[in-house]
Amino acid sequence: MAEQLEFFPVASPCRGICQSDERGFCRGCMRSRDERFNWQKMSDAEKQNVLRLCRQRFLRKIRANKPLPAEDPQQPSLF
């Protein structure tokens, strides 16, 4: 796949929450401690990779918190 040229610098995903969860990822942007501290030193390609990882972490977190469907749903009686 061809790499798309970026015309603007990659913005920080920080949302101003800045609290770590039990796994060490920021609750707001899902970056690790090293990713947060080294953001300004990273190239745009590295930043894009971090953003991709953050999206994966966020989706994994949502899936983990999603309630499981009931195995045998109760159909209400019509009579």
PDB file of N, CA and C in Angstrom:
ATOM      1  N   MET A   1       0.843  -1.174   0.000  1.00  0.00           N
ATOM      2  CA  MET A   1       0.000   0.000   0.000  1.00  0.00           C
ATOM      3  C   MET A   1       0.889   1.237   0.000  1.00  0.00           C
ATOM      4  N   ALA A   2       0.593   2.183  -0.857  1.00  0.00           N
ATOM      5  CA  ALA A   2       1.376   3.407  -0.961  1.00  0.00           C
ATOM      6  C   ALA A   2       1.148   4.275   0.268  1.00  0.00           C
ATOM      7  N   GLU A   3       2.221   4.919   0.701  1.00  0.00           N
ATOM      8  CA  GLU A   3       2.121   5.782   1.873  1.00  0.00           C
ATOM      9  C   GLU A   3       1.567   7.141   1.463  1.00  0.00           C
ATOM     10  N   GLN A   4       0.616   7.628   2.220  1.00  0.00           N
ATOM     11  CA  GLN A   4       0.002   8.918   1.926  1.00  0.00           C
ATOM     12  C   GLN A   4       0.882  10.029   2.481  1.00  0.00           C
ATOM     13  N   LEU A   5       1.069  11.072   1.699  1.00  0.00           N
ATOM     14  CA  LEU A   5       1.851  12.207   2.162  1.00  0.00           C
ATOM     15  C   LEU A   5       1.043  13.009   3.169  1.00  0.00           C
ATOM     16  N   GLU A   6       1.715  13.456   4.210  1.00  0.00           N
ATOM     17  CA  GLU A   6       1.061  14.278   5.223  1.00  0.00           C
ATOM     18  C   GLU A   6       1.454  15.735   4.995  1.00  0.00           C
ATOM     19  N   PHE A   7       0.477  16.604   4.878  1.00  0.00           N
ATOM     20  CA  PHE A   7       0.740  18.019   4.668  1.00  0.00           C
ATOM     21  C   PHE A   7       0.784  18.796   5.984  1.00  0.00           C
ATOM     22  N   PHE A   8       0.226  18.229   7.036  1.00  0.00           N
ATOM     23  CA  PHE A   8       0.190  18.882   8.329  1.00  0.00           C
ATOM     24  C   PHE A   8       0.862  17.984   9.355  1.00  0.00           C
ATOM     25  N   PRO A   9       1.458  18.577  10.373  1.00  0.00           N
ATOM     26  CA  PRO A   9       2.070  17.740  11.415  1.00  0.00           C
ATOM     27  C   PRO A   9       1.000  16.918  12.140  1.00  0.00           C
ATOM     28  N   VAL A  10       1.406  15.763  12.628  1.00  0.00           N
ATOM     29  CA  VAL A  10       0.478  14.883  13.342  1.00  0.00           C
ATOM     30  C   VAL A  10       0.237  15.476  14.726  1.00  0.00           C
ATOM     31  N   ALA A  11      -1.010  15.767  15.021  1.00  0.00           N
ATOM     32  CA  ALA A  11      -1.367  16.384  16.301  1.00  0.00           C
ATOM     33  C   ALA A  11      -1.343  15.357  17.424  1.00  0.00           C
ATOM     34  N   SER A  12      -1.058  15.826  18.610  1.00  0.00           N
ATOM     35  CA  SER A  12      -1.072  14.967  19.790  1.00  0.00           C
ATOM     36  C   SER A  12      -2.506  14.524  20.084  1.00  0.00           C
ATOM     37  N   PRO A  13      -2.701  13.250  20.453  1.00  0.00           N
ATOM     38  CA  PRO A  13      -4.050  12.767  20.767  1.00  0.00           C
ATOM     39  C   PRO A  13      -4.488  13.091  22.200  1.00  0.00           C
ATOM     40  N   CYS A  14      -3.683  13.853  22.932  1.00  0.00           N
ATOM     41  CA  CYS A  14      -3.975  14.151  24.341  1.00  0.00           C
ATOM     42  C   CYS A  14      -5.349  14.802  24.470  1.00  0.00           C
ATOM     43  N   ARG A  15      -6.129  14.313  25.464  1.00  0.00           N
ATOM     44  CA  ARG A  15      -7.466  14.861  25.732  1.00  0.00           C
ATOM     45  C   ARG A  15      -7.520  15.590  27.065  1.00  0.00           C
ATOM     46  N   GLY A  16      -6.364  15.701  27.715  1.00  0.00           N
ATOM     47  CA  GLY A  16      -6.297  16.429  28.974  1.00  0.00           C
ATOM     48  C   GLY A  16      -6.750  15.638  30.185  1.00  0.00           C
ATOM     49  N   ILE A  17      -6.917  14.325  30.062  1.00  0.00           N
ATOM     50  CA  ILE A  17      -7.330  13.497  31.201  1.00  0.00           C
ATOM     51  C   ILE A  17      -6.097  13.062  31.991  1.00  0.00           C
ATOM     52  N   CYS A  18      -5.093  12.536  31.308  1.00  0.00           N
ATOM     53  CA  CYS A  18      -3.765  12.259  31.850  1.00  0.00           C
ATOM     54  C   CYS A  18      -3.767  11.467  33.157  1.00  0.00           C
ATOM     55  N   GLN A  19      -4.471  10.355  33.179  1.00  0.00           N
ATOM     56  CA  GLN A  19      -4.445   9.409  34.293  1.00  0.00           C
ATOM     57  C   GLN A  19      -4.180   8.034  33.712  1.00  0.00           C
ATOM     58  N   SER A  20      -3.302   7.282  34.370  1.00  0.00           N
ATOM     59  CA  SER A  20      -2.965   5.948  33.871  1.00  0.00           C
ATOM     60  C   SER A  20      -3.945   4.917  34.386  1.00  0.00           C
ATOM     61  N   ASP A  21      -4.268   3.949  33.510  1.00  0.00           N
ATOM     62  CA  ASP A  21      -5.123   2.842  33.930  1.00  0.00           C
ATOM     63  C   ASP A  21      -4.263   1.750  34.558  1.00  0.00           C
ATOM     64  N   GLU A  22      -4.880   0.613  34.871  1.00  0.00           N
ATOM     65  CA  GLU A  22      -4.169  -0.476  35.540  1.00  0.00           C
ATOM     66  C   GLU A  22      -3.061  -1.088  34.683  1.00  0.00           C
ATOM     67  N   ARG A  23      -3.109  -0.879  33.376  1.00  0.00           N
ATOM     68  CA  ARG A  23      -2.080  -1.426  32.481  1.00  0.00           C
ATOM     69  C   ARG A  23      -1.009  -0.395  32.135  1.00  0.00           C
ATOM     70  N   GLY A  24      -1.164   0.833  32.619  1.00  0.00           N
ATOM     71  CA  GLY A  24      -0.164   1.867  32.386  1.00  0.00           C
ATOM     72  C   GLY A  24      -0.440   2.765  31.196  1.00  0.00           C
ATOM     73  N   PHE A  25      -1.599   2.586  30.552  1.00  0.00           N
ATOM     74  CA  PHE A  25      -1.959   3.439  29.421  1.00  0.00           C
ATOM     75  C   PHE A  25      -2.789   4.615  29.922  1.00  0.00           C
ATOM     76  N   CYS A  26      -2.619   5.765  29.270  1.00  0.00           N
ATOM     77  CA  CYS A  26      -3.392   6.950  29.628  1.00  0.00           C
ATOM     78  C   CYS A  26      -4.871   6.679  29.370  1.00  0.00           C
ATOM     79  N   ARG A  27      -5.726   7.039  30.320  1.00  0.00           N
ATOM     80  CA  ARG A  27      -7.167   6.816  30.169  1.00  0.00           C
ATOM     81  C   ARG A  27      -7.771   7.701  29.077  1.00  0.00           C
ATOM     82  N   GLY A  28      -7.142   8.822  28.773  1.00  0.00           N
ATOM     83  CA  GLY A  28      -7.674   9.734  27.767  1.00  0.00           C
ATOM     84  C   GLY A  28      -7.265   9.390  26.352  1.00  0.00           C
ATOM     85  N   CYS A  29      -5.961   9.195  26.138  1.00  0.00           N
ATOM     86  CA  CYS A  29      -5.473   8.996  24.761  1.00  0.00           C
ATOM     87  C   CYS A  29      -4.966   7.587  24.490  1.00  0.00           C
ATOM     88  N   MET A  30      -4.849   6.753  25.506  1.00  0.00           N
ATOM     89  CA  MET A  30      -4.422   5.351  25.391  1.00  0.00           C
ATOM     90  C   MET A  30      -2.947   5.194  25.011  1.00  0.00           C
ATOM     91  N   ARG A  31      -2.132   6.234  25.234  1.00  0.00           N
ATOM     92  CA  ARG A  31      -0.695   6.107  24.981  1.00  0.00           C
ATOM     93  C   ARG A  31       0.002   5.585  26.223  1.00  0.00           C
ATOM     94  N   SER A  32       1.126   4.892  26.006  1.00  0.00           N
ATOM     95  CA  SER A  32       1.947   4.433  27.122  1.00  0.00           C
ATOM     96  C   SER A  32       2.758   5.618  27.649  1.00  0.00           C
ATOM     97  N   ARG A  33       3.389   5.415  28.777  1.00  0.00           N
ATOM     98  CA  ARG A  33       4.219   6.468  29.369  1.00  0.00           C
ATOM     99  C   ARG A  33       5.324   6.897  28.397  1.00  0.00           C
ATOM    100  N   ASP A  34       6.029   5.931  27.816  1.00  0.00           N
ATOM    101  CA  ASP A  34       7.106   6.250  26.870  1.00  0.00           C
ATOM    102  C   ASP A  34       6.575   6.980  25.641  1.00  0.00           C
ATOM    103  N   GLU A  35       5.414   6.565  25.152  1.00  0.00           N
ATOM    104  CA  GLU A  35       4.829   7.228  23.981  1.00  0.00           C
ATOM    105  C   GLU A  35       4.469   8.678  24.297  1.00  0.00           C
ATOM    106  N   ARG A  36       3.972   8.933  25.501  1.00  0.00           N
ATOM    107  CA  ARG A  36       3.637  10.311  25.895  1.00  0.00           C
ATOM    108  C   ARG A  36       4.897  11.156  26.038  1.00  0.00           C
ATOM    109  N   PHE A  37       5.918  10.624  26.719  1.00  0.00           N
ATOM    110  CA  PHE A  37       7.126  11.403  26.980  1.00  0.00           C
ATOM    111  C   PHE A  37       7.950  11.657  25.719  1.00  0.00           C
ATOM    112  N   ASN A  38       7.912  10.741  24.756  1.00  0.00           N
ATOM    113  CA  ASN A  38       8.740  10.867  23.555  1.00  0.00           C
ATOM    114  C   ASN A  38       7.988  11.405  22.344  1.00  0.00           C
ATOM    115  N   TRP A  39       6.744  11.836  22.514  1.00  0.00           N
ATOM    116  CA  TRP A  39       5.918  12.279  21.390  1.00  0.00           C
ATOM    117  C   TRP A  39       6.610  13.371  20.567  1.00  0.00           C
ATOM    118  N   GLN A  40       7.194  14.365  21.210  1.00  0.00           N
ATOM    119  CA  GLN A  40       7.815  15.490  20.496  1.00  0.00           C
ATOM    120  C   GLN A  40       9.058  15.068  19.713  1.00  0.00           C
ATOM    121  N   LYS A  41       9.692  13.972  20.104  1.00  0.00           N
ATOM    122  CA  LYS A  41      10.908  13.491  19.434  1.00  0.00           C
ATOM    123  C   LYS A  41      10.603  12.554  18.270  1.00  0.00           C
ATOM    124  N   MET A  42       9.368  12.074  18.167  1.00  0.00           N
ATOM    125  CA  MET A  42       9.004  11.081  17.149  1.00  0.00           C
ATOM    126  C   MET A  42       8.820  11.715  15.779  1.00  0.00           C
ATOM    127  N   SER A  43       9.105  10.913  14.747  1.00  0.00           N
ATOM    128  CA  SER A  43       8.813  11.340  13.374  1.00  0.00           C
ATOM    129  C   SER A  43       7.307  11.214  13.145  1.00  0.00           C
ATOM    130  N   ASP A  44       6.817  11.796  12.060  1.00  0.00           N
ATOM    131  CA  ASP A  44       5.389  11.693  11.753  1.00  0.00           C
ATOM    132  C   ASP A  44       4.972  10.240  11.537  1.00  0.00           C
ATOM    133  N   ALA A  45       5.841   9.434  10.932  1.00  0.00           N
ATOM    134  CA  ALA A  45       5.522   8.015  10.724  1.00  0.00           C
ATOM    135  C   ALA A  45       5.397   7.286  12.059  1.00  0.00           C
ATOM    136  N   GLU A  46       6.282   7.598  13.000  1.00  0.00           N
ATOM    137  CA  GLU A  46       6.204   6.979  14.328  1.00  0.00           C
ATOM    138  C   GLU A  46       4.935   7.423  15.051  1.00  0.00           C
ATOM    139  N   LYS A  47       4.583   8.693  14.915  1.00  0.00           N
ATOM    140  CA  LYS A  47       3.360   9.204  15.541  1.00  0.00           C
ATOM    141  C   LYS A  47       2.128   8.513  14.962  1.00  0.00           C
ATOM    142  N   GLN A  48       2.102   8.319  13.641  1.00  0.00           N
ATOM    143  CA  GLN A  48       0.979   7.617  13.010  1.00  0.00           C
ATOM    144  C   GLN A  48       0.865   6.196  13.548  1.00  0.00           C
ATOM    145  N   ASN A  49       2.002   5.545  13.752  1.00  0.00           N
ATOM    146  CA  ASN A  49       1.995   4.187  14.299  1.00  0.00           C
ATOM    147  C   ASN A  49       1.450   4.185  15.727  1.00  0.00           C
ATOM    148  N   VAL A  50       1.847   5.163  16.529  1.00  0.00           N
ATOM    149  CA  VAL A  50       1.336   5.265  17.901  1.00  0.00           C
ATOM    150  C   VAL A  50      -0.173   5.490  17.880  1.00  0.00           C
ATOM    151  N   LEU A  51      -0.658   6.337  16.976  1.00  0.00           N
ATOM    152  CA  LEU A  51      -2.101   6.578  16.874  1.00  0.00           C
ATOM    153  C   LEU A  51      -2.848   5.305  16.495  1.00  0.00           C
ATOM    154  N   ARG A  52      -2.254   4.511  15.613  1.00  0.00           N
ATOM    155  CA  ARG A  52      -2.864   3.227  15.228  1.00  0.00           C
ATOM    156  C   ARG A  52      -2.942   2.303  16.444  1.00  0.00           C
ATOM    157  N   LEU A  53      -1.865   2.243  17.220  1.00  0.00           N
ATOM    158  CA  LEU A  53      -1.860   1.415  18.429  1.00  0.00           C
ATOM    159  C   LEU A  53      -2.897   1.909  19.437  1.00  0.00           C
ATOM    160  N   CYS A  54      -3.030   3.227  19.562  1.00  0.00           N
ATOM    161  CA  CYS A  54      -4.014   3.797  20.493  1.00  0.00           C
ATOM    162  C   CYS A  54      -5.435   3.408  20.097  1.00  0.00           C
ATOM    163  N   ARG A  55      -5.725   3.438  18.799  1.00  0.00           N
ATOM    164  CA  ARG A  55      -7.063   3.025  18.335  1.00  0.00           C
ATOM    165  C   ARG A  55      -7.312   1.558  18.662  1.00  0.00           C
ATOM    166  N   GLN A  56      -6.304   0.713  18.456  1.00  0.00           N
ATOM    167  CA  GLN A  56      -6.446  -0.710  18.773  1.00  0.00           C
ATOM    168  C   GLN A  56      -6.691  -0.910  20.266  1.00  0.00           C
ATOM    169  N   ARG A  57      -5.948  -0.196  21.088  1.00  0.00           N
ATOM    170  CA  ARG A  57      -6.118  -0.314  22.546  1.00  0.00           C
ATOM    171  C   ARG A  57      -7.508   0.136  22.966  1.00  0.00           C
ATOM    172  N   PHE A  58      -7.974   1.245  22.378  1.00  0.00           N
ATOM    173  CA  PHE A  58      -9.295   1.765  22.714  1.00  0.00           C
ATOM    174  C   PHE A  58     -10.384   0.763  22.343  1.00  0.00           C
ATOM    175  N   LEU A  59     -10.301   0.192  21.137  1.00  0.00           N
ATOM    176  CA  LEU A  59     -11.307  -0.788  20.706  1.00  0.00           C
ATOM    177  C   LEU A  59     -11.264  -2.039  21.571  1.00  0.00           C
ATOM    178  N   ARG A  60     -10.068  -2.475  21.940  1.00  0.00           N
ATOM    179  CA  ARG A  60      -9.927  -3.645  22.811  1.00  0.00           C
ATOM    180  C   ARG A  60     -10.560  -3.367  24.180  1.00  0.00           C
ATOM    181  N   LYS A  61     -10.377  -2.147  24.681  1.00  0.00           N
ATOM    182  CA  LYS A  61     -10.953  -1.766  25.973  1.00  0.00           C
ATOM    183  C   LYS A  61     -12.481  -1.751  25.906  1.00  0.00           C
ATOM    184  N   ILE A  62     -13.032  -1.222  24.812  1.00  0.00           N
ATOM    185  CA  ILE A  62     -14.490  -1.192  24.638  1.00  0.00           C
ATOM    186  C   ILE A  62     -15.048  -2.610  24.587  1.00  0.00           C
ATOM    187  N   ARG A  63     -14.391  -3.484  23.814  1.00  0.00           N
ATOM    188  CA  ARG A  63     -14.861  -4.875  23.697  1.00  0.00           C
ATOM    189  C   ARG A  63     -14.815  -5.590  25.041  1.00  0.00           C
ATOM    190  N   ALA A  64     -13.794  -5.313  25.839  1.00  0.00           N
ATOM    191  CA  ALA A  64     -13.655  -5.969  27.140  1.00  0.00           C
ATOM    192  C   ALA A  64     -14.745  -5.517  28.107  1.00  0.00           C
ATOM    193  N   ASN A  65     -15.211  -4.280  27.963  1.00  0.00           N
ATOM    194  CA  ASN A  65     -16.228  -3.742  28.868  1.00  0.00           C
ATOM    195  C   ASN A  65     -17.649  -3.987  28.390  1.00  0.00           C
ATOM    196  N   LYS A  66     -17.802  -4.524  27.186  1.00  0.00           N
ATOM    197  CA  LYS A  66     -19.131  -4.763  26.622  1.00  0.00           C
ATOM    198  C   LYS A  66     -19.775  -5.960  27.321  1.00  0.00           C
ATOM    199  N   PRO A  67     -20.996  -5.830  27.803  1.00  0.00           N
ATOM    200  CA  PRO A  67     -21.643  -6.974  28.461  1.00  0.00           C
ATOM    201  C   PRO A  67     -21.941  -8.086  27.463  1.00  0.00           C
ATOM    202  N   LEU A  68     -21.791  -9.307  27.923  1.00  0.00           N
ATOM    203  CA  LEU A  68     -22.081 -10.463  27.079  1.00  0.00           C
ATOM    204  C   LEU A  68     -23.587 -10.635  26.937  1.00  0.00           C
ATOM    205  N   PRO A  69     -24.068 -11.045  25.754  1.00  0.00           N
ATOM    206  CA  PRO A  69     -25.513 -11.268  25.592  1.00  0.00           C
ATOM    207  C   PRO A  69     -25.949 -12.480  26.412  1.00  0.00           C
ATOM    208  N   ALA A  70     -27.178 -12.449  26.856  1.00  0.00           N
ATOM    209  CA  ALA A  70     -27.718 -13.569  27.633  1.00  0.00           C
ATOM    210  C   ALA A  70     -27.761 -14.814  26.753  1.00  0.00           C
ATOM    211  N   GLU A  71     -27.396 -15.948  27.332  1.00  0.00           N
ATOM    212  CA  GLU A  71     -27.364 -17.189  26.557  1.00  0.00           C
ATOM    213  C   GLU A  71     -28.761 -17.672  26.198  1.00  0.00           C
ATOM    214  N   ASP A  72     -29.711 -17.528  27.116  1.00  0.00           N
ATOM    215  CA  ASP A  72     -31.066 -18.004  26.879  1.00  0.00           C
ATOM    216  C   ASP A  72     -32.035 -16.872  27.208  1.00  0.00           C
ATOM    217  N   PRO A  73     -32.238 -15.958  26.254  1.00  0.00           N
ATOM    218  CA  PRO A  73     -33.135 -14.841  26.552  1.00  0.00           C
ATOM    219  C   PRO A  73     -34.560 -15.334  26.791  1.00  0.00           C
ATOM    220  N   GLN A  74     -35.205 -14.724  27.750  1.00  0.00           N
ATOM    221  CA  GLN A  74     -36.573 -15.099  28.101  1.00  0.00           C
ATOM    222  C   GLN A  74     -37.553 -14.357  27.200  1.00  0.00           C
ATOM    223  N   GLN A  75     -38.366 -15.114  26.501  1.00  0.00           N
ATOM    224  CA  GLN A  75     -39.417 -14.533  25.669  1.00  0.00           C
ATOM    225  C   GLN A  75     -40.642 -14.334  26.556  1.00  0.00           C
ATOM    226  N   PRO A  76     -41.171 -13.129  26.615  1.00  0.00           N
ATOM    227  CA  PRO A  76     -42.362 -12.932  27.441  1.00  0.00           C
ATOM    228  C   PRO A  76     -43.552 -13.719  26.880  1.00  0.00           C
ATOM    229  N   SER A  77     -44.334 -14.219  27.783  1.00  0.00           N
ATOM    230  CA  SER A  77     -45.515 -14.984  27.387  1.00  0.00           C
ATOM    231  C   SER A  77     -46.602 -14.035  26.895  1.00  0.00           C
ATOM    232  N   LEU A  78     -47.262 -14.430  25.838  1.00  0.00           N
ATOM    233  CA  LEU A  78     -48.349 -13.609  25.313  1.00  0.00           C
ATOM    234  C   LEU A  78     -49.678 -13.945  25.976  1.00  0.00           C
ATOM    235  N   PHE A  79     -49.703 -15.042  26.731  1.00  0.00           N
ATOM    236  CA  PHE A  79     -50.956 -15.471  27.368  1.00  0.00           C
ATOM    237  C   PHE A  79     -50.796 -15.616  28.847  1.00  0.00           C
TER     238      PHE A  79
END
